[in-house]
Amino acid sequence: MTTDDVLAAWTAELAEALGFPEDFTLDRDVVLDLARDAAHGVARPAAPLTTFLVGYAAGLRGGSPADLADAADTATRLALARGEDQATPETDTGTTGPDAR
């Protein structure tokens, strides 16, 4: 089973368990890209916090795919801007790990 298969099955199982409507669809790439940008632009623990807040905001706005895309765009823009602000010659060493910024 591929990672895509596992994620699709998990998303469907969780959505059903949480009571989402049967016609629920998710643009998984939007959420995964957002998590990546938050992890890299802010800090790794920001990924789940950001995706939760974006999902919550999208729900408050009505929960449509457009609501999700709009909230994700806002969060992505902020995370990428923060990452650019933190990438200075003194801190952008190109390294990875706990000390990397």
PDB file of N, CA and C in Angstrom:
ATOM      1  N   MET A   1       0.856  -1.179   0.000  1.00  0.00           N
ATOM      2  CA  MET A   1       0.000   0.000   0.000  1.00  0.00           C
ATOM      3  C   MET A   1       0.899   1.239   0.000  1.00  0.00           C
ATOM      4  N   THR A   2       0.623   2.169  -0.896  1.00  0.00           N
ATOM      5  CA  THR A   2       1.433   3.382  -0.998  1.00  0.00           C
ATOM      6  C   THR A   2       1.021   4.389   0.081  1.00  0.00           C
ATOM      7  N   THR A   3       1.859   5.381   0.265  1.00  0.00           N
ATOM      8  CA  THR A   3       1.538   6.451   1.211  1.00  0.00           C
ATOM      9  C   THR A   3       0.246   7.144   0.811  1.00  0.00           C
ATOM     10  N   ASP A   4       0.060   7.388  -0.494  1.00  0.00           N
ATOM     11  CA  ASP A   4      -1.183   8.010  -0.956  1.00  0.00           C
ATOM     12  C   ASP A   4      -2.397   7.167  -0.582  1.00  0.00           C
ATOM     13  N   ASP A   5      -2.281   5.856  -0.731  1.00  0.00           N
ATOM     14  CA  ASP A   5      -3.382   4.960  -0.371  1.00  0.00           C
ATOM     15  C   ASP A   5      -3.670   5.024   1.127  1.00  0.00           C
ATOM     16  N   VAL A   6      -2.617   5.014   1.918  1.00  0.00           N
ATOM     17  CA  VAL A   6      -2.767   5.073   3.374  1.00  0.00           C
ATOM     18  C   VAL A   6      -3.435   6.388   3.781  1.00  0.00           C
ATOM     19  N   LEU A   7      -2.973   7.493   3.199  1.00  0.00           N
ATOM     20  CA  LEU A   7      -3.550   8.796   3.538  1.00  0.00           C
ATOM     21  C   LEU A   7      -5.004   8.897   3.093  1.00  0.00           C
ATOM     22  N   ALA A   8      -5.318   8.372   1.924  1.00  0.00           N
ATOM     23  CA  ALA A   8      -6.707   8.394   1.436  1.00  0.00           C
ATOM     24  C   ALA A   8      -7.609   7.577   2.355  1.00  0.00           C
ATOM     25  N   ALA A   9      -7.144   6.393   2.737  1.00  0.00           N
ATOM     26  CA  ALA A   9      -7.941   5.542   3.621  1.00  0.00           C
ATOM     27  C   ALA A   9      -8.109   6.198   4.990  1.00  0.00           C
ATOM     28  N   TRP A  10      -7.031   6.761   5.525  1.00  0.00           N
ATOM     29  CA  TRP A  10      -7.094   7.411   6.829  1.00  0.00           C
ATOM     30  C   TRP A  10      -8.036   8.613   6.782  1.00  0.00           C
ATOM     31  N   THR A  11      -7.937   9.431   5.741  1.00  0.00           N
ATOM     32  CA  THR A  11      -8.797  10.604   5.613  1.00  0.00           C
ATOM     33  C   THR A  11     -10.265  10.188   5.571  1.00  0.00           C
ATOM     34  N   ALA A  12     -10.574   9.168   4.778  1.00  0.00           N
ATOM     35  CA  ALA A  12     -11.956   8.696   4.675  1.00  0.00           C
ATOM     36  C   ALA A  12     -12.451   8.141   6.008  1.00  0.00           C
ATOM     37  N   GLU A  13     -11.615   7.348   6.670  1.00  0.00           N
ATOM     38  CA  GLU A  13     -12.002   6.756   7.958  1.00  0.00           C
ATOM     39  C   GLU A  13     -12.232   7.828   9.017  1.00  0.00           C
ATOM     40  N   LEU A  14     -11.314   8.778   9.090  1.00  0.00           N
ATOM     41  CA  LEU A  14     -11.430   9.832  10.088  1.00  0.00           C
ATOM     42  C   LEU A  14     -12.617  10.742   9.801  1.00  0.00           C
ATOM     43  N   ALA A  15     -12.807  11.102   8.535  1.00  0.00           N
ATOM     44  CA  ALA A  15     -13.940  11.961   8.173  1.00  0.00           C
ATOM     45  C   ALA A  15     -15.260  11.292   8.546  1.00  0.00           C
ATOM     46  N   GLU A  16     -15.361   9.996   8.299  1.00  0.00           N
ATOM     47  CA  GLU A  16     -16.580   9.263   8.668  1.00  0.00           C
ATOM     48  C   GLU A  16     -16.759   9.246  10.180  1.00  0.00           C
ATOM     49  N   ALA A  17     -15.694   8.961  10.912  1.00  0.00           N
ATOM     50  CA  ALA A  17     -15.768   8.895  12.373  1.00  0.00           C
ATOM     51  C   ALA A  17     -16.119  10.248  12.983  1.00  0.00           C
ATOM     52  N   LEU A  18     -15.709  11.328  12.329  1.00  0.00           N
ATOM     53  CA  LEU A  18     -15.996  12.670  12.831  1.00  0.00           C
ATOM     54  C   LEU A  18     -17.356  13.186  12.376  1.00  0.00           C
ATOM     55  N   GLY A  19     -18.061  12.384  11.572  1.00  0.00           N
ATOM     56  CA  GLY A  19     -19.399  12.764  11.160  1.00  0.00           C
ATOM     57  C   GLY A  19     -19.471  13.686   9.966  1.00  0.00           C
ATOM     58  N   PHE A  20     -18.431  13.708   9.156  1.00  0.00           N
ATOM     59  CA  PHE A  20     -18.456  14.535   7.952  1.00  0.00           C
ATOM     60  C   PHE A  20     -19.500  13.972   6.991  1.00  0.00           C
ATOM     61  N   PRO A  21     -20.087  14.819   6.153  1.00  0.00           N
ATOM     62  CA  PRO A  21     -21.052  14.316   5.177  1.00  0.00           C
ATOM     63  C   PRO A  21     -20.380  13.371   4.182  1.00  0.00           C
ATOM     64  N   GLU A  22     -21.173  12.471   3.613  1.00  0.00           N
ATOM     65  CA  GLU A  22     -20.627  11.480   2.675  1.00  0.00           C
ATOM     66  C   GLU A  22     -19.981  12.119   1.457  1.00  0.00           C
ATOM     67  N   ASP A  23     -20.452  13.278   1.050  1.00  0.00           N
ATOM     68  CA  ASP A  23     -19.897  13.925  -0.137  1.00  0.00           C
ATOM     69  C   ASP A  23     -18.683  14.811   0.178  1.00  0.00           C
ATOM     70  N   PHE A  24     -18.176  14.699   1.402  1.00  0.00           N
ATOM     71  CA  PHE A  24     -17.004  15.477   1.806  1.00  0.00           C
ATOM     72  C   PHE A  24     -15.817  15.161   0.900  1.00  0.00           C
ATOM     73  N   THR A  25     -15.162  16.211   0.443  1.00  0.00           N
ATOM     74  CA  THR A  25     -13.915  16.057  -0.305  1.00  0.00           C
ATOM     75  C   THR A  25     -12.870  16.965   0.332  1.00  0.00           C
ATOM     76  N   LEU A  26     -11.648  16.582   0.175  1.00  0.00           N
ATOM     77  CA  LEU A  26     -10.545  17.339   0.750  1.00  0.00           C
ATOM     78  C   LEU A  26      -9.445  17.460  -0.290  1.00  0.00           C
ATOM     79  N   ASP A  27      -8.961  18.676  -0.480  1.00  0.00           N
ATOM     80  CA  ASP A  27      -7.785  18.858  -1.321  1.00  0.00           C
ATOM     81  C   ASP A  27      -6.578  18.626  -0.410  1.00  0.00           C
ATOM     82  N   ARG A  28      -6.193  17.363  -0.315  1.00  0.00           N
ATOM     83  CA  ARG A  28      -5.137  16.947   0.603  1.00  0.00           C
ATOM     84  C   ARG A  28      -3.836  17.694   0.339  1.00  0.00           C
ATOM     85  N   ASP A  29      -3.542  17.984  -0.921  1.00  0.00           N
ATOM     86  CA  ASP A  29      -2.300  18.686  -1.233  1.00  0.00           C
ATOM     87  C   ASP A  29      -2.259  20.082  -0.622  1.00  0.00           C
ATOM     88  N   VAL A  30      -3.399  20.761  -0.555  1.00  0.00           N
ATOM     89  CA  VAL A  30      -3.454  22.077   0.079  1.00  0.00           C
ATOM     90  C   VAL A  30      -3.035  21.971   1.536  1.00  0.00           C
ATOM     91  N   VAL A  31      -3.572  20.982   2.232  1.00  0.00           N
ATOM     92  CA  VAL A  31      -3.280  20.818   3.656  1.00  0.00           C
ATOM     93  C   VAL A  31      -1.825  20.391   3.867  1.00  0.00           C
ATOM     94  N   LEU A  32      -1.357  19.441   3.060  1.00  0.00           N
ATOM     95  CA  LEU A  32       0.021  18.971   3.220  1.00  0.00           C
ATOM     96  C   LEU A  32       1.036  20.053   2.859  1.00  0.00           C
ATOM     97  N   ASP A  33       0.751  20.822   1.817  1.00  0.00           N
ATOM     98  CA  ASP A  33       1.648  21.922   1.454  1.00  0.00           C
ATOM     99  C   ASP A  33       1.671  22.986   2.544  1.00  0.00           C
ATOM    100  N   LEU A  34       0.506  23.263   3.114  1.00  0.00           N
ATOM    101  CA  LEU A  34       0.424  24.219   4.210  1.00  0.00           C
ATOM    102  C   LEU A  34       1.248  23.744   5.403  1.00  0.00           C
ATOM    103  N   ALA A  35       1.114  22.476   5.754  1.00  0.00           N
ATOM    104  CA  ALA A  35       1.881  21.922   6.878  1.00  0.00           C
ATOM    105  C   ALA A  35       3.382  22.035   6.612  1.00  0.00           C
ATOM    106  N   ARG A  36       3.791  21.728   5.394  1.00  0.00           N
ATOM    107  CA  ARG A  36       5.211  21.843   5.037  1.00  0.00           C
ATOM    108  C   ARG A  36       5.694  23.277   5.181  1.00  0.00           C
ATOM    109  N   ASP A  37       4.925  24.229   4.653  1.00  0.00           N
ATOM    110  CA  ASP A  37       5.341  25.629   4.707  1.00  0.00           C
ATOM    111  C   ASP A  37       5.404  26.139   6.139  1.00  0.00           C
ATOM    112  N   ALA A  38       4.463  25.725   6.974  1.00  0.00           N
ATOM    113  CA  ALA A  38       4.491  26.137   8.382  1.00  0.00           C
ATOM    114  C   ALA A  38       5.677  25.513   9.109  1.00  0.00           C
ATOM    115  N   ALA A  39       5.950  24.246   8.834  1.00  0.00           N
ATOM    116  CA  ALA A  39       7.078  23.568   9.478  1.00  0.00           C
ATOM    117  C   ALA A  39       8.397  24.209   9.088  1.00  0.00           C
ATOM    118  N   HIS A  40       8.543  24.567   7.830  1.00  0.00           N
ATOM    119  CA  HIS A  40       9.808  25.139   7.360  1.00  0.00           C
ATOM    120  C   HIS A  40       9.909  26.636   7.631  1.00  0.00           C
ATOM    121  N   GLY A  41       8.789  27.349   7.522  1.00  0.00           N
ATOM    122  CA  GLY A  41       8.828  28.794   7.676  1.00  0.00           C
ATOM    123  C   GLY A  41       8.742  29.266   9.114  1.00  0.00           C
ATOM    124  N   VAL A  42       8.139  28.462   9.965  1.00  0.00           N
ATOM    125  CA  VAL A  42       7.946  28.869  11.361  1.00  0.00           C
ATOM    126  C   VAL A  42       8.758  27.942  12.266  1.00  0.00           C
ATOM    127  N   ALA A  43       8.260  26.748  12.470  1.00  0.00           N
ATOM    128  CA  ALA A  43       8.926  25.714  13.261  1.00  0.00           C
ATOM    129  C   ALA A  43       8.136  24.431  13.044  1.00  0.00           C
ATOM    130  N   ARG A  44       8.796  23.303  13.164  1.00  0.00           N
ATOM    131  CA  ARG A  44       8.129  22.023  12.906  1.00  0.00           C
ATOM    132  C   ARG A  44       6.806  21.873  13.674  1.00  0.00           C
ATOM    133  N   PRO A  45       6.754  22.217  14.975  1.00  0.00           N
ATOM    134  CA  PRO A  45       5.479  22.064  15.692  1.00  0.00           C
ATOM    135  C   PRO A  45       4.375  22.997  15.189  1.00  0.00           C
ATOM    136  N   ALA A  46       4.723  23.978  14.386  1.00  0.00           N
ATOM    137  CA  ALA A  46       3.700  24.880  13.835  1.00  0.00           C
ATOM    138  C   ALA A  46       2.824  24.180  12.809  1.00  0.00           C
ATOM    139  N   ALA A  47       3.291  23.076  12.234  1.00  0.00           N
ATOM    140  CA  ALA A  47       2.520  22.397  11.186  1.00  0.00           C
ATOM    141  C   ALA A  47       1.147  21.931  11.674  1.00  0.00           C
ATOM    142  N   PRO A  48       1.058  21.147  12.749  1.00  0.00           N
ATOM    143  CA  PRO A  48      -0.281  20.724  13.176  1.00  0.00           C
ATOM    144  C   PRO A  48      -1.118  21.886  13.713  1.00  0.00           C
ATOM    145  N   LEU A  49      -0.490  22.837  14.379  1.00  0.00           N
ATOM    146  CA  LEU A  49      -1.242  23.985  14.888  1.00  0.00           C
ATOM    147  C   LEU A  49      -1.828  24.801  13.742  1.00  0.00           C
ATOM    148  N   THR A  50      -1.022  25.013  12.725  1.00  0.00           N
ATOM    149  CA  THR A  50      -1.464  25.806  11.578  1.00  0.00           C
ATOM    150  C   THR A  50      -2.584  25.112  10.825  1.00  0.00           C
ATOM    151  N   THR A  51      -2.431  23.820  10.574  1.00  0.00           N
ATOM    152  CA  THR A  51      -3.474  23.114   9.838  1.00  0.00           C
ATOM    153  C   THR A  51      -4.770  23.065  10.640  1.00  0.00           C
ATOM    154  N   PHE A  52      -4.669  22.922  11.962  1.00  0.00           N
ATOM    155  CA  PHE A  52      -5.875  22.947  12.788  1.00  0.00           C
ATOM    156  C   PHE A  52      -6.556  24.301  12.692  1.00  0.00           C
ATOM    157  N   LEU A  53      -5.785  25.368  12.880  1.00  0.00           N
ATOM    158  CA  LEU A  53      -6.375  26.708  12.855  1.00  0.00           C
ATOM    159  C   LEU A  53      -6.983  27.033  11.496  1.00  0.00           C
ATOM    160  N   VAL A  54      -6.324  26.625  10.435  1.00  0.00           N
ATOM    161  CA  VAL A  54      -6.862  26.864   9.092  1.00  0.00           C
ATOM    162  C   VAL A  54      -8.157  26.084   8.896  1.00  0.00           C
ATOM    163  N   GLY A  55      -8.175  24.835   9.328  1.00  0.00           N
ATOM    164  CA  GLY A  55      -9.394  24.045   9.221  1.00  0.00           C
ATOM    165  C   GLY A  55     -10.531  24.646  10.030  1.00  0.00           C
ATOM    166  N   TYR A  56     -10.215  25.109  11.212  1.00  0.00           N
ATOM    167  CA  TYR A  56     -11.227  25.726  12.074  1.00  0.00           C
ATOM    168  C   TYR A  56     -11.754  27.002  11.417  1.00  0.00           C
ATOM    169  N   ALA A  57     -10.840  27.827  10.907  1.00  0.00           N
ATOM    170  CA  ALA A  57     -11.250  29.066  10.241  1.00  0.00           C
ATOM    171  C   ALA A  57     -12.112  28.768   9.018  1.00  0.00           C
ATOM    172  N   ALA A  58     -11.723  27.775   8.250  1.00  0.00           N
ATOM    173  CA  ALA A  58     -12.518  27.400   7.076  1.00  0.00           C
ATOM    174  C   ALA A  58     -13.909  26.949   7.501  1.00  0.00           C
ATOM    175  N   GLY A  59     -13.998  26.202   8.578  1.00  0.00           N
ATOM    176  CA  GLY A  59     -15.293  25.776   9.088  1.00  0.00           C
ATOM    177  C   GLY A  59     -16.155  26.950   9.531  1.00  0.00           C
ATOM    178  N   LEU A  60     -15.548  27.908  10.206  1.00  0.00           N
ATOM    179  CA  LEU A  60     -16.286  29.090  10.637  1.00  0.00           C
ATOM    180  C   LEU A  60     -16.804  29.900   9.454  1.00  0.00           C
ATOM    181  N   ARG A  61     -16.058  29.862   8.357  1.00  0.00           N
ATOM    182  CA  ARG A  61     -16.446  30.614   7.158  1.00  0.00           C
ATOM    183  C   ARG A  61     -17.488  29.881   6.320  1.00  0.00           C
ATOM    184  N   GLY A  62     -17.769  28.643   6.641  1.00  0.00           N
ATOM    185  CA  GLY A  62     -18.765  27.883   5.897  1.00  0.00           C
ATOM    186  C   GLY A  62     -18.311  26.494   5.508  1.00  0.00           C
ATOM    187  N   GLY A  63     -17.015  26.265   5.477  1.00  0.00           N
ATOM    188  CA  GLY A  63     -16.476  24.935   5.242  1.00  0.00           C
ATOM    189  C   GLY A  63     -16.353  24.495   3.798  1.00  0.00           C
ATOM    190  N   SER A  64     -16.507  25.394   2.866  1.00  0.00           N
ATOM    191  CA  SER A  64     -16.390  25.012   1.455  1.00  0.00           C
ATOM    192  C   SER A  64     -14.922  24.859   1.076  1.00  0.00           C
ATOM    193  N   PRO A  65     -14.659  24.189  -0.049  1.00  0.00           N
ATOM    194  CA  PRO A  65     -13.275  24.117  -0.540  1.00  0.00           C
ATOM    195  C   PRO A  65     -12.662  25.504  -0.741  1.00  0.00           C
ATOM    196  N   ALA A  66     -13.464  26.460  -1.166  1.00  0.00           N
ATOM    197  CA  ALA A  66     -12.958  27.825  -1.341  1.00  0.00           C
ATOM    198  C   ALA A  66     -12.593  28.450  -0.004  1.00  0.00           C
ATOM    199  N   ASP A  67     -13.389  28.156   1.033  1.00  0.00           N
ATOM    200  CA  ASP A  67     -13.076  28.660   2.371  1.00  0.00           C
ATOM    201  C   ASP A  67     -11.746  28.095   2.865  1.00  0.00           C
ATOM    202  N   LEU A  68     -11.538  26.808   2.605  1.00  0.00           N
ATOM    203  CA  LEU A  68     -10.274  26.177   2.992  1.00  0.00           C
ATOM    204  C   LEU A  68      -9.119  26.800   2.220  1.00  0.00           C
ATOM    205  N   ALA A  69      -9.285  26.955   0.920  1.00  0.00           N
ATOM    206  CA  ALA A  69      -8.218  27.518   0.085  1.00  0.00           C
ATOM    207  C   ALA A  69      -7.869  28.934   0.530  1.00  0.00           C
ATOM    208  N   ASP A  70      -8.876  29.734   0.843  1.00  0.00           N
ATOM    209  CA  ASP A  70      -8.638  31.109   1.271  1.00  0.00           C
ATOM    210  C   ASP A  70      -7.885  31.149   2.596  1.00  0.00           C
ATOM    211  N   ALA A  71      -8.319  30.353   3.561  1.00  0.00           N
ATOM    212  CA  ALA A  71      -7.645  30.315   4.861  1.00  0.00           C
ATOM    213  C   ALA A  71      -6.222  29.771   4.718  1.00  0.00           C
ATOM    214  N   ALA A  72      -6.058  28.753   3.885  1.00  0.00           N
ATOM    215  CA  ALA A  72      -4.726  28.178   3.662  1.00  0.00           C
ATOM    216  C   ALA A  72      -3.804  29.174   2.977  1.00  0.00           C
ATOM    217  N   ASP A  73      -4.331  29.929   2.031  1.00  0.00           N
ATOM    218  CA  ASP A  73      -3.518  30.952   1.356  1.00  0.00           C
ATOM    219  C   ASP A  73      -3.012  31.990   2.356  1.00  0.00           C
ATOM    220  N   THR A  74      -3.880  32.410   3.245  1.00  0.00           N
ATOM    221  CA  THR A  74      -3.484  33.392   4.264  1.00  0.00           C
ATOM    222  C   THR A  74      -2.374  32.829   5.146  1.00  0.00           C
ATOM    223  N   ALA A  75      -2.565  31.614   5.639  1.00  0.00           N
ATOM    224  CA  ALA A  75      -1.571  31.008   6.527  1.00  0.00           C
ATOM    225  C   ALA A  75      -0.261  30.734   5.792  1.00  0.00           C
ATOM    226  N   THR A  76      -0.347  30.282   4.551  1.00  0.00           N
ATOM    227  CA  THR A  76       0.867  30.022   3.770  1.00  0.00           C
ATOM    228  C   THR A  76       1.654  31.307   3.573  1.00  0.00           C
ATOM    229  N   ARG A  77       0.960  32.368   3.219  1.00  0.00           N
ATOM    230  CA  ARG A  77       1.624  33.656   3.007  1.00  0.00           C
ATOM    231  C   ARG A  77       2.349  34.100   4.275  1.00  0.00           C
ATOM    232  N   LEU A  78       1.693  33.966   5.427  1.00  0.00           N
ATOM    233  CA  LEU A  78       2.312  34.360   6.695  1.00  0.00           C
ATOM    234  C   LEU A  78       3.508  33.474   7.034  1.00  0.00           C
ATOM    235  N   ALA A  79       3.365  32.168   6.841  1.00  0.00           N
ATOM    236  CA  ALA A  79       4.457  31.241   7.169  1.00  0.00           C
ATOM    237  C   ALA A  79       5.667  31.482   6.273  1.00  0.00           C
ATOM    238  N   LEU A  80       5.420  31.674   4.979  1.00  0.00           N
ATOM    239  CA  LEU A  80       6.538  31.911   4.058  1.00  0.00           C
ATOM    240  C   LEU A  80       7.218  33.242   4.356  1.00  0.00           C
ATOM    241  N   ALA A  81       6.448  34.262   4.699  1.00  0.00           N
ATOM    242  CA  ALA A  81       7.033  35.556   5.055  1.00  0.00           C
ATOM    243  C   ALA A  81       7.879  35.435   6.312  1.00  0.00           C
ATOM    244  N   ARG A  82       7.403  34.671   7.274  1.00  0.00           N
ATOM    245  CA  ARG A  82       8.169  34.471   8.501  1.00  0.00           C
ATOM    246  C   ARG A  82       9.468  33.739   8.195  1.00  0.00           C
ATOM    247  N   GLY A  83       9.391  32.752   7.330  1.00  0.00           N
ATOM    248  CA  GLY A  83      10.587  32.010   6.947  1.00  0.00           C
ATOM    249  C   GLY A  83      11.601  32.894   6.252  1.00  0.00           C
ATOM    250  N   GLU A  84      11.119  33.801   5.407  1.00  0.00           N
ATOM    251  CA  GLU A  84      12.027  34.739   4.731  1.00  0.00           C
ATOM    252  C   GLU A  84      12.655  35.691   5.732  1.00  0.00           C
ATOM    253  N   ASP A  85      11.869  36.135   6.723  1.00  0.00           N
ATOM    254  CA  ASP A  85      12.391  37.031   7.748  1.00  0.00           C
ATOM    255  C   ASP A  85      13.472  36.358   8.581  1.00  0.00           C
ATOM    256  N   GLN A  86      13.330  35.049   8.814  1.00  0.00           N
ATOM    257  CA  GLN A  86      14.284  34.322   9.648  1.00  0.00           C
ATOM    258  C   GLN A  86      15.522  33.894   8.877  1.00  0.00           C
ATOM    259  N   ALA A  87      15.465  33.894   7.553  1.00  0.00           N
ATOM    260  CA  ALA A  87      16.599  33.441   6.739  1.00  0.00           C
ATOM    261  C   ALA A  87      17.541  34.611   6.501  1.00  0.00           C
ATOM    262  N   THR A  88      18.504  34.755   7.390  1.00  0.00           N
ATOM    263  CA  THR A  88      19.518  35.788   7.257  1.00  0.00           C
ATOM    264  C   THR A  88      20.855  35.111   7.046  1.00  0.00           C
ATOM    265  N   PRO A  89      21.859  35.842   6.568  1.00  0.00           N
ATOM    266  CA  PRO A  89      23.164  35.211   6.377  1.00  0.00           C
ATOM    267  C   PRO A  89      23.720  34.563   7.649  1.00  0.00           C
ATOM    268  N   GLU A  90      23.364  35.096   8.816  1.00  0.00           N
ATOM    269  CA  GLU A  90      23.875  34.540  10.062  1.00  0.00           C
ATOM    270  C   GLU A  90      23.165  33.235  10.434  1.00  0.00           C
ATOM    271  N   THR A  91      21.884  33.079  10.045  1.00  0.00           N
ATOM    272  CA  THR A  91      21.133  31.910  10.479  1.00  0.00           C
ATOM    273  C   THR A  91      20.866  30.920   9.367  1.00  0.00           C
ATOM    274  N   ASP A  92      20.949  31.327   8.107  1.00  0.00           N
ATOM    275  CA  ASP A  92      20.647  30.433   6.994  1.00  0.00           C
ATOM    276  C   ASP A  92      21.915  29.703   6.580  1.00  0.00           C
ATOM    277  N   THR A  93      22.208  28.607   7.295  1.00  0.00           N
ATOM    278  CA  THR A  93      23.445  27.867   7.053  1.00  0.00           C
ATOM    279  C   THR A  93      23.252  26.714   6.102  1.00  0.00           C
ATOM    280  N   GLY A  94      21.997  26.444   5.733  1.00  0.00           N
ATOM    281  CA  GLY A  94      21.729  25.314   4.850  1.00  0.00           C
ATOM    282  C   GLY A  94      21.782  23.973   5.560  1.00  0.00           C
ATOM    283  N   THR A  95      21.840  24.005   6.869  1.00  0.00           N
ATOM    284  CA  THR A  95      21.892  22.755   7.624  1.00  0.00           C
ATOM    285  C   THR A  95      20.498  22.345   8.017  1.00  0.00           C
ATOM    286  N   THR A  96      20.377  21.119   8.423  1.00  0.00           N
ATOM    287  CA  THR A  96      19.097  20.631   8.937  1.00  0.00           C
ATOM    288  C   THR A  96      19.338  20.075  10.318  1.00  0.00           C
ATOM    289  N   GLY A  97      18.267  19.882  11.035  1.00  0.00           N
ATOM    290  CA  GLY A  97      18.391  19.327  12.378  1.00  0.00           C
ATOM    291  C   GLY A  97      17.852  20.303  13.398  1.00  0.00           C
ATOM    292  N   PRO A  98      18.022  19.992  14.672  1.00  0.00           N
ATOM    293  CA  PRO A  98      17.415  20.787  15.730  1.00  0.00           C
ATOM    294  C   PRO A  98      17.936  22.207  15.792  1.00  0.00           C
ATOM    295  N   ASP A  99      19.165  22.465  15.321  1.00  0.00           N
ATOM    296  CA  ASP A  99      19.719  23.820  15.397  1.00  0.00           C
ATOM    297  C   ASP A  99      19.460  24.622  14.147  1.00  0.00           C
ATOM    298  N   ALA A 100      18.918  24.000  13.113  1.00  0.00           N
ATOM    299  CA  ALA A 100      18.676  24.703  11.853  1.00  0.00           C
ATOM    300  C   ALA A 100      17.492  25.648  12.014  1.00  0.00           C
ATOM    301  N   ARG A 101      17.534  26.741  11.307  1.00  0.00           N
ATOM    302  CA  ARG A 101      16.419  27.708  11.341  1.00  0.00           C
ATOM    303  C   ARG A 101      15.793  27.789   9.996  1.00  0.00           C
TER     304      ARG A 101
END
